Amino acid sequence: MTLNSADMAPVINRLRRAQGQIGGVIRLIEEGRDCKDVVTQLAAVNRALDRAGFAIVSSGLKECLTSPEGIQPEDQAAMEKLFLTLA
Protein backbone atom coordinates (compact mmCIF):
# COMPACT_ATOMS: atom_id res chain seq x y z
CA MET A 1 0.00 0.00 0.00
CA THR A 2 1.36 3.38 -0.96
CA LEU A 3 0.99 6.68 0.84
CA ASN A 4 -0.95 9.58 -0.60
CA SER A 5 1.65 12.33 -1.01
CA ALA A 6 -0.95 15.06 -0.41
CA ASP A 7 -1.71 13.58 3.00
CA MET A 8 1.99 13.43 3.84
CA ALA A 9 2.72 17.19 3.66
CA PRO A 10 1.90 17.75 7.37
CA VAL A 11 3.92 14.66 8.27
CA ILE A 12 6.93 15.93 6.35
CA ASN A 13 6.63 19.31 8.11
CA ARG A 14 6.47 17.56 11.49
CA LEU A 15 9.55 15.48 10.65
CA ARG A 16 11.47 18.58 9.55
CA ARG A 17 10.64 20.24 12.88
CA ALA A 18 11.79 17.10 14.70
CA GLN A 19 15.01 17.19 12.69
CA GLY A 20 15.59 20.74 13.92
CA GLN A 21 14.80 19.69 17.47
CA ILE A 22 17.37 16.89 17.26
CA GLY A 23 19.95 19.45 16.18
CA GLY A 24 18.95 21.50 19.21
CA VAL A 25 19.42 18.50 21.50
CA ILE A 26 22.90 17.95 20.10
CA ARG A 27 23.77 21.60 20.70
CA LEU A 28 22.46 21.42 24.26
CA ILE A 29 24.69 18.43 24.97
CA GLU A 30 27.71 20.03 23.30
CA GLU A 31 27.17 23.18 25.39
CA GLY A 32 27.00 21.12 28.57
CA ARG A 33 23.47 22.25 29.38
CA ASP A 34 21.40 20.96 32.24
CA CYS A 35 20.11 17.38 32.05
CA LYS A 36 16.53 18.60 32.47
CA ASP A 37 16.78 20.78 29.35
CA VAL A 38 18.18 17.92 27.27
CA VAL A 39 15.58 15.39 28.42
CA THR A 40 12.74 17.88 27.88
CA GLN A 41 13.85 18.41 24.29
CA LEU A 42 14.30 14.68 23.73
CA ALA A 43 10.74 14.11 24.95
CA ALA A 44 9.47 16.73 22.49
CA VAL A 45 11.32 15.02 19.63
CA ASN A 46 9.93 11.66 20.69
CA ARG A 47 6.35 13.00 20.68
CA ALA A 48 6.84 14.57 17.26
CA LEU A 49 8.15 11.32 15.81
CA ASP A 50 5.33 9.31 17.39
CA ARG A 51 2.73 11.66 15.95
CA ALA A 52 4.32 11.46 12.51
CA GLY A 53 4.29 7.68 12.68
CA PHE A 54 0.65 7.53 13.78
CA ALA A 55 -0.32 9.96 11.00
CA ILE A 56 1.34 7.66 8.48
CA VAL A 57 -0.51 4.62 9.87
CA SER A 58 -3.76 6.60 9.85
CA SER A 59 -3.25 7.54 6.21
CA GLY A 60 -2.60 3.91 5.36
CA LEU A 61 -5.79 2.86 7.13
CA LYS A 62 -7.79 5.46 5.21
CA GLU A 63 -6.35 4.15 1.94
CA CYS A 64 -7.37 0.60 2.88
CA LEU A 65 -10.86 1.60 3.99
CA THR A 66 -11.60 3.68 0.90
CA SER A 67 -10.32 1.03 -1.49
CA PRO A 68 -13.09 -0.36 -3.72
CA GLU A 69 -12.14 -3.87 -2.63
CA GLY A 70 -12.22 -2.96 1.04
CA ILE A 71 -9.45 -3.89 3.42
CA GLN A 72 -7.64 -7.06 2.47
CA PRO A 73 -6.53 -9.46 5.23
CA GLU A 74 -2.85 -8.98 4.36
CA ASP A 75 -3.23 -5.19 4.46
CA GLN A 76 -5.01 -5.42 7.80
CA ALA A 77 -2.19 -7.53 9.21
CA ALA A 78 0.43 -5.14 7.85
CA MET A 79 -1.33 -2.09 9.33
CA GLU A 80 -1.72 -3.82 12.68
CA LYS A 81 1.98 -4.66 12.71
CA LEU A 82 2.89 -1.04 11.88
CA PHE A 83 0.61 0.27 14.59
CA LEU A 84 2.09 -2.07 17.19
CA THR A 85 5.59 -1.06 16.11
CA LEU A 86 4.77 2.47 17.26
CA ALA A 87 2.97 1.44 20.45
C-alpha atoms as a PDB file:
ATOM      1  CA  MET A   1       0.000   0.000   0.000  1.00  0.00           C
ATOM      2  CA  THR A   2       1.360   3.380  -0.958  1.00  0.00           C
ATOM      3  CA  LEU A   3       0.990   6.677   0.840  1.00  0.00           C
ATOM      4  CA  ASN A   4      -0.952   9.584  -0.597  1.00  0.00           C
ATOM      5  CA  SER A   5       1.653  12.330  -1.009  1.00  0.00           C
ATOM      6  CA  ALA A   6      -0.951  15.062  -0.412  1.00  0.00           C
ATOM      7  CA  ASP A   7      -1.715  13.578   3.003  1.00  0.00           C
ATOM      8  CA  MET A   8       1.987  13.432   3.845  1.00  0.00           C
ATOM      9  CA  ALA A   9       2.722  17.190   3.660  1.00  0.00           C
ATOM     10  CA  PRO A  10       1.899  17.748   7.365  1.00  0.00           C
ATOM     11  CA  VAL A  11       3.924  14.660   8.274  1.00  0.00           C
ATOM     12  CA  ILE A  12       6.933  15.933   6.347  1.00  0.00           C
ATOM     13  CA  ASN A  13       6.632  19.306   8.110  1.00  0.00           C
ATOM     14  CA  ARG A  14       6.470  17.564  11.495  1.00  0.00           C
ATOM     15  CA  LEU A  15       9.546  15.484  10.651  1.00  0.00           C
ATOM     16  CA  ARG A  16      11.469  18.576   9.552  1.00  0.00           C
ATOM     17  CA  ARG A  17      10.641  20.237  12.880  1.00  0.00           C
ATOM     18  CA  ALA A  18      11.791  17.099  14.704  1.00  0.00           C
ATOM     19  CA  GLN A  19      15.007  17.187  12.686  1.00  0.00           C
ATOM     20  CA  GLY A  20      15.595  20.736  13.917  1.00  0.00           C
ATOM     21  CA  GLN A  21      14.803  19.690  17.471  1.00  0.00           C
ATOM     22  CA  ILE A  22      17.366  16.894  17.265  1.00  0.00           C
ATOM     23  CA  GLY A  23      19.955  19.452  16.178  1.00  0.00           C
ATOM     24  CA  GLY A  24      18.947  21.502  19.211  1.00  0.00           C
ATOM     25  CA  VAL A  25      19.420  18.503  21.504  1.00  0.00           C
ATOM     26  CA  ILE A  26      22.904  17.949  20.100  1.00  0.00           C
ATOM     27  CA  ARG A  27      23.766  21.603  20.698  1.00  0.00           C
ATOM     28  CA  LEU A  28      22.463  21.419  24.264  1.00  0.00           C
ATOM     29  CA  ILE A  29      24.688  18.428  24.965  1.00  0.00           C
ATOM     30  CA  GLU A  30      27.710  20.032  23.304  1.00  0.00           C
ATOM     31  CA  GLU A  31      27.173  23.181  25.389  1.00  0.00           C
ATOM     32  CA  GLY A  32      27.002  21.122  28.569  1.00  0.00           C
ATOM     33  CA  ARG A  33      23.466  22.251  29.375  1.00  0.00           C
ATOM     34  CA  ASP A  34      21.395  20.963  32.240  1.00  0.00           C
ATOM     35  CA  CYS A  35      20.114  17.381  32.049  1.00  0.00           C
ATOM     36  CA  LYS A  36      16.530  18.596  32.473  1.00  0.00           C
ATOM     37  CA  ASP A  37      16.778  20.782  29.346  1.00  0.00           C
ATOM     38  CA  VAL A  38      18.185  17.918  27.273  1.00  0.00           C
ATOM     39  CA  VAL A  39      15.579  15.392  28.420  1.00  0.00           C
ATOM     40  CA  THR A  40      12.738  17.883  27.879  1.00  0.00           C
ATOM     41  CA  GLN A  41      13.847  18.413  24.289  1.00  0.00           C
ATOM     42  CA  LEU A  42      14.298  14.678  23.733  1.00  0.00           C
ATOM     43  CA  ALA A  43      10.742  14.111  24.950  1.00  0.00           C
ATOM     44  CA  ALA A  44       9.474  16.728  22.495  1.00  0.00           C
ATOM     45  CA  VAL A  45      11.318  15.015  19.625  1.00  0.00           C
ATOM     46  CA  ASN A  46       9.927  11.662  20.692  1.00  0.00           C
ATOM     47  CA  ARG A  47       6.352  12.997  20.685  1.00  0.00           C
ATOM     48  CA  ALA A  48       6.837  14.569  17.260  1.00  0.00           C
ATOM     49  CA  LEU A  49       8.148  11.324  15.809  1.00  0.00           C
ATOM     50  CA  ASP A  50       5.328   9.313  17.387  1.00  0.00           C
ATOM     51  CA  ARG A  51       2.725  11.665  15.952  1.00  0.00           C
ATOM     52  CA  ALA A  52       4.320  11.464  12.513  1.00  0.00           C
ATOM     53  CA  GLY A  53       4.287   7.676  12.682  1.00  0.00           C
ATOM     54  CA  PHE A  54       0.648   7.531  13.780  1.00  0.00           C
ATOM     55  CA  ALA A  55      -0.317   9.965  11.004  1.00  0.00           C
ATOM     56  CA  ILE A  56       1.335   7.660   8.479  1.00  0.00           C
ATOM     57  CA  VAL A  57      -0.509   4.624   9.870  1.00  0.00           C
ATOM     58  CA  SER A  58      -3.761   6.602   9.850  1.00  0.00           C
ATOM     59  CA  SER A  59      -3.250   7.544   6.210  1.00  0.00           C
ATOM     60  CA  GLY A  60      -2.597   3.907   5.357  1.00  0.00           C
ATOM     61  CA  LEU A  61      -5.787   2.859   7.126  1.00  0.00           C
ATOM     62  CA  LYS A  62      -7.793   5.456   5.205  1.00  0.00           C
ATOM     63  CA  GLU A  63      -6.346   4.153   1.945  1.00  0.00           C
ATOM     64  CA  CYS A  64      -7.368   0.601   2.884  1.00  0.00           C
ATOM     65  CA  LEU A  65     -10.862   1.604   3.988  1.00  0.00           C
ATOM     66  CA  THR A  66     -11.603   3.684   0.898  1.00  0.00           C
ATOM     67  CA  SER A  67     -10.316   1.034  -1.486  1.00  0.00           C
ATOM     68  CA  PRO A  68     -13.088  -0.360  -3.719  1.00  0.00           C
ATOM     69  CA  GLU A  69     -12.139  -3.875  -2.630  1.00  0.00           C
ATOM     70  CA  GLY A  70     -12.223  -2.956   1.044  1.00  0.00           C
ATOM     71  CA  ILE A  71      -9.446  -3.894   3.418  1.00  0.00           C
ATOM     72  CA  GLN A  72      -7.639  -7.061   2.471  1.00  0.00           C
ATOM     73  CA  PRO A  73      -6.530  -9.456   5.234  1.00  0.00           C
ATOM     74  CA  GLU A  74      -2.848  -8.981   4.361  1.00  0.00           C
ATOM     75  CA  ASP A  75      -3.234  -5.187   4.460  1.00  0.00           C
ATOM     76  CA  GLN A  76      -5.009  -5.423   7.804  1.00  0.00           C
ATOM     77  CA  ALA A  77      -2.188  -7.533   9.214  1.00  0.00           C
ATOM     78  CA  ALA A  78       0.428  -5.140   7.853  1.00  0.00           C
ATOM     79  CA  MET A  79      -1.329  -2.092   9.330  1.00  0.00           C
ATOM     80  CA  GLU A  80      -1.718  -3.823  12.684  1.00  0.00           C
ATOM     81  CA  LYS A  81       1.979  -4.657  12.712  1.00  0.00           C
ATOM     82  CA  LEU A  82       2.893  -1.043  11.877  1.00  0.00           C
ATOM     83  CA  PHE A  83       0.608   0.268  14.595  1.00  0.00           C
ATOM     84  CA  LEU A  84       2.085  -2.074  17.189  1.00  0.00           C
ATOM     85  CA  THR A  85       5.587  -1.063  16.114  1.00  0.00           C
ATOM     86  CA  LEU A  86       4.770   2.472  17.263  1.00  0.00           C
ATOM     87  CA  ALA A  87       2.969   1.442  20.452  1.00  0.00           C
END
